[in-house]
Amino acid sequence: MTKRIGEQFGKYRITGLLGVGGMGEVYEAEHLKLARRVAIKVVRPEHARDPALEARFVNEARALARVRHPSIVLIFEFGVLP
């Protein structure tokens, strides 16, 4: 899990592990151009290949993008990384 620390995903660099859950891991990262701390959820490969779980992930992201609360992180984007 911590093997991703230091990796760069597009415009983000992984800086630490925040947690592990049923679908994957959540990492702390830095947006390189804005120097902004963000959280990145990385779905496990076996889940990423499952169309039903992919749809669930997309629905979760869209639902959370509508939520505004001080205890919930904002979603800026989601997608598939190469």
N, C-alpha and C. Protein backbone atom coordinates (compact mmCIF):
# COMPACT_ATOMS: atom_id res chain seq x y z
N MET A 1 0.81 -1.20 0.00
CA MET A 1 0.00 0.00 0.00
C MET A 1 0.85 1.26 0.00
N THR A 2 1.81 1.35 0.89
CA THR A 2 2.63 2.55 0.97
C THR A 2 3.59 2.65 -0.21
N LYS A 3 3.64 1.62 -1.06
CA LYS A 3 4.52 1.65 -2.23
C LYS A 3 4.16 2.79 -3.17
N ARG A 4 2.96 3.32 -3.10
CA ARG A 4 2.54 4.41 -3.98
C ARG A 4 3.07 5.78 -3.54
N ILE A 5 3.53 5.89 -2.32
CA ILE A 5 4.02 7.18 -1.83
C ILE A 5 5.18 7.64 -2.70
N GLY A 6 5.08 8.88 -3.18
CA GLY A 6 6.08 9.43 -4.09
C GLY A 6 5.68 9.31 -5.55
N GLU A 7 4.71 8.44 -5.87
CA GLU A 7 4.25 8.29 -7.26
C GLU A 7 3.49 9.54 -7.68
N GLN A 8 3.53 9.80 -8.97
CA GLN A 8 2.78 10.91 -9.53
C GLN A 8 1.67 10.36 -10.40
N PHE A 9 0.45 10.86 -10.18
CA PHE A 9 -0.72 10.52 -10.99
C PHE A 9 -1.17 11.81 -11.66
N GLY A 10 -0.85 11.96 -12.92
CA GLY A 10 -1.23 13.20 -13.61
C GLY A 10 -0.64 14.39 -12.90
N LYS A 11 -1.50 15.28 -12.43
CA LYS A 11 -1.03 16.50 -11.77
C LYS A 11 -0.93 16.36 -10.25
N TYR A 12 -0.99 15.12 -9.74
CA TYR A 12 -0.95 14.87 -8.29
C TYR A 12 0.24 13.99 -7.92
N ARG A 13 0.86 14.27 -6.77
CA ARG A 13 1.93 13.42 -6.23
C ARG A 13 1.46 12.88 -4.89
N ILE A 14 1.54 11.55 -4.73
CA ILE A 14 1.13 10.88 -3.49
C ILE A 14 2.14 11.20 -2.39
N THR A 15 1.63 11.66 -1.23
CA THR A 15 2.51 12.01 -0.11
C THR A 15 2.32 11.14 1.12
N GLY A 16 1.20 10.42 1.20
CA GLY A 16 0.97 9.58 2.37
C GLY A 16 -0.29 8.75 2.24
N LEU A 17 -0.39 7.74 3.07
CA LEU A 17 -1.58 6.88 3.11
C LEU A 17 -2.51 7.39 4.20
N LEU A 18 -3.78 7.60 3.84
CA LEU A 18 -4.77 8.05 4.82
C LEU A 18 -5.60 6.90 5.37
N GLY A 19 -5.90 5.91 4.52
CA GLY A 19 -6.73 4.81 5.00
C GLY A 19 -6.92 3.74 3.95
N VAL A 20 -7.42 2.60 4.41
CA VAL A 20 -7.68 1.46 3.54
C VAL A 20 -9.12 1.02 3.79
N GLY A 21 -9.84 0.74 2.71
CA GLY A 21 -11.23 0.31 2.84
C GLY A 21 -11.53 -0.86 1.93
N GLY A 22 -12.80 -1.16 1.81
CA GLY A 22 -13.22 -2.31 1.03
C GLY A 22 -12.95 -2.20 -0.46
N MET A 23 -12.99 -0.98 -1.01
CA MET A 23 -12.79 -0.81 -2.45
C MET A 23 -11.36 -0.44 -2.81
N GLY A 24 -10.56 0.00 -1.85
CA GLY A 24 -9.20 0.40 -2.18
C GLY A 24 -8.56 1.21 -1.08
N GLU A 25 -7.66 2.09 -1.48
CA GLU A 25 -6.92 2.92 -0.54
C GLU A 25 -7.21 4.39 -0.80
N VAL A 26 -7.04 5.20 0.25
CA VAL A 26 -7.17 6.65 0.14
C VAL A 26 -5.82 7.24 0.54
N TYR A 27 -5.30 8.07 -0.35
CA TYR A 27 -3.98 8.67 -0.14
C TYR A 27 -4.09 10.18 -0.01
N GLU A 28 -3.17 10.74 0.74
CA GLU A 28 -2.98 12.18 0.74
C GLU A 28 -2.05 12.48 -0.43
N ALA A 29 -2.35 13.56 -1.15
CA ALA A 29 -1.52 13.92 -2.29
C ALA A 29 -1.44 15.43 -2.39
N GLU A 30 -0.58 15.88 -3.28
CA GLU A 30 -0.44 17.31 -3.52
C GLU A 30 -0.74 17.58 -4.99
N HIS A 31 -1.59 18.57 -5.22
CA HIS A 31 -1.82 19.06 -6.58
C HIS A 31 -0.58 19.87 -6.92
N LEU A 32 0.19 19.44 -7.90
CA LEU A 32 1.50 20.01 -8.15
C LEU A 32 1.47 21.47 -8.60
N LYS A 33 0.50 21.85 -9.39
CA LYS A 33 0.45 23.24 -9.87
C LYS A 33 -0.11 24.20 -8.84
N LEU A 34 -1.06 23.73 -8.02
CA LEU A 34 -1.70 24.61 -7.05
C LEU A 34 -1.13 24.50 -5.65
N ALA A 35 -0.25 23.50 -5.42
CA ALA A 35 0.30 23.24 -4.09
C ALA A 35 -0.84 23.05 -3.08
N ARG A 36 -1.87 22.33 -3.49
CA ARG A 36 -3.05 22.09 -2.66
C ARG A 36 -3.04 20.64 -2.20
N ARG A 37 -3.33 20.42 -0.91
CA ARG A 37 -3.47 19.05 -0.38
C ARG A 37 -4.81 18.49 -0.83
N VAL A 38 -4.77 17.25 -1.30
CA VAL A 38 -5.99 16.59 -1.73
C VAL A 38 -5.96 15.14 -1.24
N ALA A 39 -7.10 14.49 -1.32
CA ALA A 39 -7.19 13.06 -1.06
C ALA A 39 -7.51 12.37 -2.37
N ILE A 40 -6.85 11.23 -2.60
CA ILE A 40 -7.08 10.45 -3.82
C ILE A 40 -7.49 9.05 -3.42
N LYS A 41 -8.61 8.60 -3.95
CA LYS A 41 -9.08 7.23 -3.70
C LYS A 41 -8.65 6.37 -4.88
N VAL A 42 -7.91 5.32 -4.60
CA VAL A 42 -7.43 4.41 -5.63
C VAL A 42 -8.18 3.09 -5.45
N VAL A 43 -8.94 2.72 -6.45
CA VAL A 43 -9.74 1.50 -6.40
C VAL A 43 -8.85 0.31 -6.72
N ARG A 44 -9.07 -0.77 -5.99
CA ARG A 44 -8.30 -2.00 -6.24
C ARG A 44 -8.54 -2.48 -7.67
N PRO A 45 -7.50 -3.04 -8.31
CA PRO A 45 -7.63 -3.47 -9.71
C PRO A 45 -8.78 -4.44 -9.94
N GLU A 46 -9.02 -5.36 -9.02
CA GLU A 46 -10.12 -6.32 -9.23
C GLU A 46 -11.48 -5.64 -9.22
N HIS A 47 -11.59 -4.50 -8.53
CA HIS A 47 -12.85 -3.75 -8.52
C HIS A 47 -12.95 -2.85 -9.75
N ALA A 48 -11.83 -2.35 -10.21
CA ALA A 48 -11.83 -1.44 -11.36
C ALA A 48 -12.31 -2.12 -12.63
N ARG A 49 -12.19 -3.43 -12.69
CA ARG A 49 -12.61 -4.18 -13.88
C ARG A 49 -14.07 -4.62 -13.81
N ASP A 50 -14.74 -4.33 -12.71
CA ASP A 50 -16.12 -4.74 -12.52
C ASP A 50 -17.05 -3.58 -12.89
N PRO A 51 -17.81 -3.70 -13.99
CA PRO A 51 -18.67 -2.59 -14.43
C PRO A 51 -19.66 -2.12 -13.36
N ALA A 52 -20.18 -3.02 -12.56
CA ALA A 52 -21.14 -2.63 -11.52
C ALA A 52 -20.45 -1.78 -10.45
N LEU A 53 -19.24 -2.18 -10.05
CA LEU A 53 -18.52 -1.39 -9.04
C LEU A 53 -18.02 -0.07 -9.61
N GLU A 54 -17.68 -0.06 -10.89
CA GLU A 54 -17.29 1.19 -11.53
C GLU A 54 -18.46 2.17 -11.52
N ALA A 55 -19.64 1.68 -11.84
CA ALA A 55 -20.84 2.52 -11.81
C ALA A 55 -21.12 3.02 -10.40
N ARG A 56 -20.92 2.18 -9.41
CA ARG A 56 -21.11 2.57 -8.01
C ARG A 56 -20.14 3.68 -7.61
N PHE A 57 -18.88 3.55 -8.05
CA PHE A 57 -17.86 4.56 -7.76
C PHE A 57 -18.24 5.90 -8.40
N VAL A 58 -18.69 5.86 -9.65
CA VAL A 58 -19.10 7.09 -10.35
C VAL A 58 -20.30 7.71 -9.64
N ASN A 59 -21.27 6.91 -9.26
CA ASN A 59 -22.44 7.43 -8.54
C ASN A 59 -22.05 8.04 -7.21
N GLU A 60 -21.12 7.39 -6.50
CA GLU A 60 -20.64 7.91 -5.23
C GLU A 60 -19.97 9.27 -5.44
N ALA A 61 -19.13 9.37 -6.45
CA ALA A 61 -18.43 10.64 -6.72
C ALA A 61 -19.42 11.75 -7.06
N ARG A 62 -20.39 11.44 -7.90
CA ARG A 62 -21.38 12.45 -8.28
C ARG A 62 -22.24 12.88 -7.10
N ALA A 63 -22.61 11.94 -6.25
CA ALA A 63 -23.41 12.28 -5.07
C ALA A 63 -22.61 13.15 -4.11
N LEU A 64 -21.37 12.77 -3.86
CA LEU A 64 -20.54 13.55 -2.94
C LEU A 64 -20.18 14.93 -3.50
N ALA A 65 -20.14 15.06 -4.80
CA ALA A 65 -19.84 16.36 -5.41
C ALA A 65 -20.92 17.39 -5.10
N ARG A 66 -22.11 16.93 -4.73
CA ARG A 66 -23.22 17.84 -4.40
C ARG A 66 -23.28 18.20 -2.92
N VAL A 67 -22.45 17.53 -2.11
CA VAL A 67 -22.49 17.73 -0.66
C VAL A 67 -21.51 18.83 -0.25
N ARG A 68 -21.96 19.70 0.64
CA ARG A 68 -21.09 20.73 1.22
C ARG A 68 -21.20 20.62 2.74
N HIS A 69 -20.12 20.18 3.37
CA HIS A 69 -20.09 20.04 4.82
C HIS A 69 -18.64 20.13 5.27
N PRO A 70 -18.36 20.78 6.39
CA PRO A 70 -16.97 20.94 6.84
C PRO A 70 -16.25 19.62 7.14
N SER A 71 -16.99 18.55 7.38
CA SER A 71 -16.36 17.26 7.69
C SER A 71 -16.24 16.34 6.48
N ILE A 72 -16.63 16.81 5.32
CA ILE A 72 -16.57 15.99 4.10
C ILE A 72 -15.71 16.71 3.07
N VAL A 73 -14.76 15.98 2.50
CA VAL A 73 -13.88 16.58 1.51
C VAL A 73 -14.65 16.88 0.23
N LEU A 74 -14.22 17.92 -0.47
CA LEU A 74 -14.82 18.27 -1.75
C LEU A 74 -14.24 17.37 -2.84
N ILE A 75 -15.04 17.05 -3.83
CA ILE A 75 -14.57 16.29 -4.98
C ILE A 75 -14.33 17.27 -6.12
N PHE A 76 -13.11 17.25 -6.63
CA PHE A 76 -12.75 18.14 -7.73
C PHE A 76 -12.81 17.42 -9.07
N GLU A 77 -12.50 16.11 -9.08
CA GLU A 77 -12.55 15.35 -10.31
C GLU A 77 -12.45 13.86 -10.01
N PHE A 78 -12.77 13.06 -11.01
CA PHE A 78 -12.55 11.63 -10.90
C PHE A 78 -12.33 11.08 -12.30
N GLY A 79 -11.69 9.96 -12.40
CA GLY A 79 -11.43 9.38 -13.70
C GLY A 79 -10.54 8.16 -13.59
N VAL A 80 -10.12 7.68 -14.76
CA VAL A 80 -9.27 6.50 -14.84
C VAL A 80 -7.86 6.97 -15.18
N LEU A 81 -6.91 6.49 -14.40
CA LEU A 81 -5.51 6.83 -14.65
C LEU A 81 -4.86 5.76 -15.51
N PRO A 82 -3.93 6.16 -16.36
CA PRO A 82 -3.25 5.19 -17.21
C PRO A 82 -2.40 4.21 -16.42
